[in-house]
Amino acid sequence: MYFPFLRGKQFELIALRELKDLMSEKSDKVSPIIEPVKLSSTLKSTIKTLSESNINYNVIVNPSVGRFGKKVSEIISLSEEASGGYTNKQYALIIEDSTDYKAIIDTLAETVGGDLNVSLVHYSVRQDIQSILSYTSAKSNVVNNIIHTGQASTRYRREFTQDTLVSLDDFFQMQSKNADYLPVIDSRFSEEHLYFQEEGFKGFSDYLTVGEPYSESGFLPWAVAIHISYKDIDDKIRVKHFVSDSNGDNDDVAGKYLEALDKLIEWYDQTDIDSIGLQEFKSLHERQHFPGLGVLKKLSVMHHIELVLNAI
């Protein structure tokens, strides 16, 4: 099962909404993880859409990034209202060294009641993990133990029952600025879809072609980069980086976008790879239309989710 990990930014949430039909068709293969970054109508409508489409999902109630801070009650209330009593979901807790898990679980139990399903996202190795599991299990059904293998050791999985194990890591090889992707062209991503079951996990999670580092601010880029994942001849996932050439200043972002898009479409026309996201890129190219940088991220995210779901 694939657990795409998305921060609750506008276009990442819209990507989930626009993939609702595909995810509903493949509902046994997907369970998105949403880390809310701010209270927004887009967050509400996305939770509503996922619920109405009978898609399993996870909402993090103690996000580590964004503007929510530790406003656990606000996130729970928003989610409960938007989901309309839908129960095929998990509330997720990020478990770090300082996480007050008892307070969070108590708040969830009081608000949600008897149909409380929980995912624990392990960002660190806790010496008191068995106490955490015992307390949480007494008040909820622990569905997933999601282990960030880049921050908690792989051996940590021995603490959990195998039917709850999900691996999480950041496989996107991020550069410091978009222009730095120009000489890279192509980079390795992951093989998780091939080996997760063999390695004892029920599922796997990644930060897609966005990456784990989070930034609130936006700015005019000197270069535009479009990141598209694909499977190589060995069925491993890699990422193509299509980058503009006119990168001497931050003028004419639309022109830079069209340069990057030309490269993407030239590659697309020579492959047998297809997806909802790539079809929309093709349509934008035919119309020579620049929809804004957020839409580029949305389409890249949509494509990656579809690629992975078709691979498992």
Protein backbone atom coordinates (compact mmCIF):
# COMPACT_ATOMS: atom_id res chain seq x y z
CA MET A 1 0.00 0.00 0.00
CA TYR A 2 1.20 3.50 -0.84
CA PHE A 3 1.00 6.35 1.70
CA PRO A 4 1.86 9.58 -0.18
CA PHE A 5 2.95 12.17 2.40
CA LEU A 6 1.71 15.66 1.53
CA ARG A 7 1.95 18.94 3.36
CA GLY A 8 -1.42 20.66 3.31
CA LYS A 9 -0.45 23.37 0.84
CA GLN A 10 -3.14 24.46 -1.60
CA PHE A 11 -1.97 22.75 -4.77
CA GLU A 12 -0.91 19.53 -3.06
CA LEU A 13 -4.40 19.25 -1.58
CA ILE A 14 -5.99 20.04 -4.94
CA ALA A 15 -3.88 17.24 -6.44
CA LEU A 16 -5.60 14.79 -4.08
CA ARG A 17 -9.02 16.16 -4.97
CA GLU A 18 -8.39 15.83 -8.69
CA LEU A 19 -7.19 12.24 -8.26
CA LYS A 20 -10.24 11.17 -6.27
CA ASP A 21 -11.63 8.90 -9.00
CA LEU A 22 -8.31 7.09 -9.50
CA MET A 23 -7.73 6.69 -5.76
CA SER A 24 -11.30 5.49 -5.24
CA GLU A 25 -10.75 2.83 -7.94
CA LYS A 26 -7.52 1.75 -6.25
CA SER A 27 -8.67 2.31 -2.68
CA ASP A 28 -6.99 -0.91 -1.52
CA LYS A 29 -3.61 0.50 -2.59
CA VAL A 30 -3.56 4.06 -1.28
CA SER A 31 -3.87 6.01 1.97
CA PRO A 32 -2.69 9.65 1.72
CA ILE A 33 -1.08 11.33 4.73
CA ILE A 34 -1.95 15.02 5.11
CA GLU A 35 0.11 17.25 7.38
CA PRO A 36 -2.02 20.42 7.71
CA VAL A 37 -0.04 23.65 7.49
CA LYS A 38 -2.89 26.14 7.90
CA LEU A 39 -6.63 26.37 8.37
CA SER A 40 -8.08 26.71 4.87
CA SER A 41 -11.18 26.03 2.83
CA THR A 42 -9.01 23.84 0.57
CA LEU A 43 -8.09 21.59 3.51
CA LYS A 44 -11.76 21.25 4.46
CA SER A 45 -12.92 20.52 0.92
CA THR A 46 -10.15 17.97 0.40
CA ILE A 47 -11.08 16.04 3.54
CA LYS A 48 -14.72 16.20 2.45
CA THR A 49 -13.90 14.90 -1.04
CA LEU A 50 -11.75 12.02 0.24
CA SER A 51 -14.49 11.03 2.67
CA GLU A 52 -17.25 11.16 0.07
CA SER A 53 -15.09 9.08 -2.29
CA ASN A 54 -14.55 6.38 0.39
CA ILE A 55 -10.78 6.80 0.32
CA ASN A 56 -8.79 5.94 3.43
CA TYR A 57 -6.55 8.79 4.61
CA ASN A 58 -4.53 10.09 7.55
CA VAL A 59 -4.67 13.60 9.05
CA ILE A 60 -1.76 14.61 11.26
CA VAL A 61 -3.05 16.38 14.37
CA ASN A 62 0.29 17.70 15.67
CA PRO A 63 2.03 18.98 12.53
CA SER A 64 5.73 19.73 12.72
CA VAL A 65 5.59 22.47 10.06
CA GLY A 66 3.26 25.28 9.03
CA ARG A 67 1.05 27.70 10.93
CA PHE A 68 -1.08 25.29 12.95
CA GLY A 69 1.53 24.74 15.61
CA LYS A 70 0.17 22.29 18.13
CA LYS A 71 -3.49 23.28 17.82
CA VAL A 72 -4.66 19.70 18.05
CA SER A 73 -8.28 20.50 18.87
CA GLU A 74 -8.67 22.82 15.87
CA ILE A 75 -7.41 20.20 13.44
CA ILE A 76 -9.63 17.49 14.91
CA SER A 77 -12.70 19.75 14.84
CA LEU A 78 -12.05 20.79 11.25
CA SER A 79 -11.56 17.20 10.16
CA GLU A 80 -14.61 15.87 11.98
CA GLU A 81 -16.81 18.59 10.50
CA ALA A 82 -15.45 18.14 6.97
CA SER A 83 -15.62 14.33 7.03
CA GLY A 84 -19.24 14.28 8.19
CA GLY A 85 -18.93 11.25 10.46
CA TYR A 86 -16.78 9.27 8.01
CA THR A 87 -14.80 6.65 9.93
CA ASN A 88 -12.51 5.10 7.28
CA LYS A 89 -9.66 7.39 8.28
CA GLN A 90 -6.85 7.68 10.80
CA TYR A 91 -5.76 10.58 12.93
CA ALA A 92 -1.98 10.59 12.88
CA LEU A 93 0.44 11.62 15.63
CA ILE A 94 4.02 12.57 14.92
CA ILE A 95 6.08 10.94 17.67
CA GLU A 96 9.22 12.93 18.48
CA ASP A 97 11.30 13.10 21.64
CA SER A 98 9.12 15.84 23.14
CA THR A 99 5.67 14.69 21.96
CA ASP A 100 3.04 14.80 24.72
CA TYR A 101 1.24 11.77 23.35
CA LYS A 102 -1.06 11.33 26.35
CA ALA A 103 -2.60 14.79 25.96
CA ILE A 104 -3.11 14.27 22.22
CA ILE A 105 -4.66 10.82 22.59
CA ASP A 106 -6.92 12.05 25.40
CA THR A 107 -8.13 14.94 23.21
CA LEU A 108 -8.78 12.58 20.31
CA ALA A 109 -10.63 10.06 22.47
CA GLU A 110 -12.83 12.76 24.00
CA THR A 111 -13.64 14.35 20.63
CA VAL A 112 -13.95 11.39 18.28
CA GLY A 113 -15.17 8.71 20.63
CA GLY A 114 -15.37 4.99 19.96
CA ASP A 115 -14.45 4.89 16.26
CA LEU A 116 -10.95 6.25 16.77
CA ASN A 117 -8.30 4.88 14.42
CA VAL A 118 -4.75 6.15 14.81
CA SER A 119 -1.49 6.19 12.86
CA LEU A 120 1.75 6.84 14.71
CA VAL A 121 4.45 8.57 12.66
CA HIS A 122 7.78 7.82 14.31
CA TYR A 123 10.33 10.61 13.81
CA SER A 124 12.60 9.42 16.60
CA VAL A 125 13.46 6.36 18.68
CA ARG A 126 11.60 6.59 21.99
CA GLN A 127 12.84 4.47 24.89
CA ASP A 128 9.29 4.48 26.27
CA ILE A 129 7.73 3.25 23.01
CA GLN A 130 5.96 0.31 24.63
CA SER A 131 4.31 2.68 27.11
CA ILE A 132 3.22 4.87 24.18
CA LEU A 133 1.75 1.87 22.37
CA SER A 134 0.01 0.61 25.49
CA TYR A 135 -1.57 3.98 26.29
CA THR A 136 -2.60 4.60 22.69
CA SER A 137 -4.00 1.09 22.17
CA ALA A 138 -6.14 1.40 25.30
CA LYS A 139 -8.00 4.35 23.79
CA SER A 140 -7.81 3.71 20.03
CA ASN A 141 -7.08 1.24 17.29
CA VAL A 142 -3.47 1.67 16.15
CA VAL A 143 -3.72 0.95 12.42
CA ASN A 144 -0.32 2.12 11.20
CA ASN A 145 3.15 2.55 12.67
CA ILE A 146 4.88 4.74 10.10
CA ILE A 147 8.64 4.71 10.66
CA HIS A 148 10.72 7.53 9.21
CA THR A 149 13.72 5.37 8.34
CA GLY A 150 15.90 8.44 7.86
CA GLN A 151 15.34 9.53 11.48
CA ALA A 152 14.48 6.34 13.36
CA SER A 153 16.54 3.20 12.82
CA THR A 154 15.15 0.43 10.65
CA ARG A 155 15.56 -1.94 13.61
CA TYR A 156 12.97 0.15 15.46
CA ARG A 157 10.30 -1.76 13.54
CA ARG A 158 10.87 -4.71 15.87
CA GLU A 159 8.86 -2.79 18.47
CA PHE A 160 5.66 -3.04 16.39
CA THR A 161 3.41 -5.73 14.97
CA GLN A 162 4.21 -6.39 11.33
CA ASP A 163 0.68 -5.80 10.06
CA THR A 164 0.99 -2.12 11.09
CA LEU A 165 4.43 -1.35 9.63
CA VAL A 166 4.89 1.40 7.04
CA SER A 167 8.28 2.81 5.97
CA LEU A 168 8.74 6.54 5.30
CA ASP A 169 11.69 8.33 3.77
CA ASP A 170 12.59 11.30 1.58
CA PHE A 171 13.92 9.98 -1.72
CA PHE A 172 13.80 13.21 -3.71
CA GLN A 173 17.33 14.46 -4.37
CA MET A 174 16.71 18.14 -3.80
CA GLN A 175 19.10 20.79 -5.10
CA SER A 176 19.61 24.17 -3.43
CA LYS A 177 18.11 26.04 -6.39
CA ASN A 178 16.23 25.09 -9.55
CA ALA A 179 19.10 25.93 -11.91
CA ASP A 180 21.19 23.25 -10.19
CA TYR A 181 18.96 20.56 -11.72
CA LEU A 182 20.07 21.62 -15.23
CA PRO A 183 23.21 19.42 -15.32
CA VAL A 184 21.55 16.64 -13.30
CA ILE A 185 18.78 15.86 -15.84
CA ASP A 186 17.88 12.55 -14.19
CA SER A 187 18.19 11.22 -10.63
CA ARG A 188 17.47 8.08 -8.66
CA PHE A 189 14.30 8.02 -6.55
CA SER A 190 13.36 4.70 -4.95
CA GLU A 191 12.76 0.96 -5.19
CA GLU A 192 10.31 0.76 -2.28
CA HIS A 193 7.42 -0.45 -4.44
CA LEU A 194 9.48 -3.51 -5.41
CA TYR A 195 10.69 -4.64 -2.00
CA PHE A 196 8.50 -3.24 0.80
CA GLN A 197 6.62 -6.50 1.38
CA GLU A 198 9.78 -8.59 1.18
CA GLU A 199 11.29 -6.32 3.85
CA GLY A 200 8.34 -6.84 6.18
CA PHE A 201 6.30 -3.67 5.63
CA LYS A 202 2.60 -3.47 4.79
CA GLY A 203 3.20 -0.21 2.93
CA PHE A 204 5.60 2.61 2.14
CA SER A 205 5.52 6.39 2.14
CA ASP A 206 7.49 9.19 0.52
CA TYR A 207 7.40 12.97 0.08
CA LEU A 208 6.80 12.56 -3.66
CA THR A 209 8.69 14.85 -6.06
CA VAL A 210 8.41 17.72 -3.55
CA GLY A 211 10.80 16.54 -0.84
CA GLU A 212 10.67 16.72 2.94
CA PRO A 213 12.10 20.24 3.57
CA TYR A 214 9.27 22.74 4.07
CA SER A 215 9.15 26.44 3.25
CA GLU A 216 6.29 28.88 3.81
CA SER A 217 7.50 31.63 1.54
CA GLY A 218 7.24 31.82 -2.23
CA PHE A 219 9.48 33.84 -4.51
CA LEU A 220 10.07 34.44 -8.19
CA PRO A 221 12.53 31.77 -9.34
CA TRP A 222 15.50 32.40 -11.58
CA ALA A 223 14.87 28.99 -13.15
CA VAL A 224 11.76 26.85 -13.58
CA ALA A 225 12.09 23.10 -13.01
CA ILE A 226 9.47 20.41 -13.63
CA HIS A 227 10.09 17.08 -11.88
CA ILE A 228 8.55 13.95 -13.41
CA SER A 229 8.98 10.46 -12.00
CA TYR A 230 9.17 7.37 -14.21
CA LYS A 231 10.09 3.68 -14.07
CA ASP A 232 13.36 2.60 -15.67
CA ILE A 233 13.99 -0.73 -17.44
CA ASP A 234 14.47 -2.41 -14.05
CA ASP A 235 11.15 -1.00 -12.74
CA LYS A 236 12.99 1.28 -10.32
CA ILE A 237 11.61 4.81 -9.95
CA ARG A 238 13.74 7.69 -11.13
CA VAL A 239 13.01 11.41 -11.68
CA LYS A 240 13.53 13.50 -14.80
CA HIS A 241 14.28 17.19 -14.24
CA PHE A 242 13.16 19.53 -17.03
CA VAL A 243 14.71 22.96 -16.49
CA SER A 244 14.55 26.31 -18.26
CA ASP A 245 17.66 27.68 -19.98
CA SER A 246 17.14 31.46 -19.59
CA ASN A 247 18.19 31.59 -15.95
CA GLY A 248 20.17 34.82 -15.69
CA ASP A 249 17.44 36.72 -13.81
CA ASN A 250 13.94 36.25 -12.41
CA ASP A 251 12.12 38.05 -15.22
CA ASP A 252 9.61 36.31 -17.52
CA VAL A 253 8.73 33.30 -15.38
CA ALA A 254 6.14 32.28 -17.98
CA GLY A 255 8.85 32.16 -20.64
CA LYS A 256 11.07 30.02 -18.40
CA TYR A 257 8.15 27.69 -17.76
CA LEU A 258 7.58 27.22 -21.50
CA GLU A 259 11.26 26.37 -21.98
CA ALA A 260 11.02 23.66 -19.32
CA LEU A 261 7.67 22.45 -20.68
CA ASP A 262 9.09 22.12 -24.21
CA LYS A 263 11.70 19.71 -22.84
CA LEU A 264 9.09 17.73 -20.91
CA ILE A 265 6.80 17.33 -23.92
CA GLU A 266 9.68 16.35 -26.20
CA TRP A 267 10.47 13.52 -23.76
CA TYR A 268 6.79 12.64 -23.22
CA ASP A 269 6.18 12.26 -26.96
CA GLN A 270 9.03 9.75 -27.16
CA THR A 271 7.89 7.51 -24.30
CA ASP A 272 4.95 5.23 -23.60
CA ILE A 273 4.46 6.78 -20.14
CA ASP A 274 1.07 8.37 -19.54
CA SER A 275 -0.94 9.81 -16.67
CA ILE A 276 -3.62 12.36 -15.88
CA GLY A 277 -0.91 14.84 -14.91
CA LEU A 278 1.10 14.36 -18.10
CA GLN A 279 -2.01 14.73 -20.24
CA GLU A 280 -2.67 18.09 -18.60
CA PHE A 281 0.95 19.16 -19.22
CA LYS A 282 0.40 18.22 -22.88
CA SER A 283 -2.77 20.32 -23.00
CA LEU A 284 -0.97 23.30 -21.46
CA HIS A 285 1.78 22.96 -24.04
CA GLU A 286 -0.67 22.85 -26.93
CA ARG A 287 -2.29 26.04 -25.64
CA GLN A 288 1.06 27.61 -24.68
CA HIS A 289 -0.60 28.49 -21.39
CA PHE A 290 1.17 29.29 -18.12
CA PRO A 291 -1.19 28.39 -15.23
CA GLY A 292 1.17 29.44 -12.41
CA LEU A 293 3.94 27.57 -10.62
CA GLY A 294 1.58 25.95 -8.12
CA VAL A 295 -0.15 24.06 -10.90
CA LEU A 296 3.20 22.61 -12.03
CA LYS A 297 3.69 21.14 -8.56
CA LYS A 298 0.11 19.86 -8.53
CA LEU A 299 0.52 18.03 -11.84
CA SER A 300 3.89 16.58 -10.81
CA VAL A 301 2.35 15.28 -7.57
CA MET A 302 -0.66 13.83 -9.40
CA HIS A 303 1.60 12.07 -11.87
CA HIS A 304 3.79 10.58 -9.14
CA ILE A 305 0.85 9.17 -7.19
CA GLU A 306 -0.61 7.61 -10.35
CA LEU A 307 2.77 6.16 -11.34
CA VAL A 308 3.26 4.50 -7.96
CA LEU A 309 -0.30 3.16 -7.78
CA ASN A 310 0.13 1.58 -11.21
CA ALA A 311 3.43 0.05 -10.07
CA ILE A 312 2.07 -1.86 -7.07
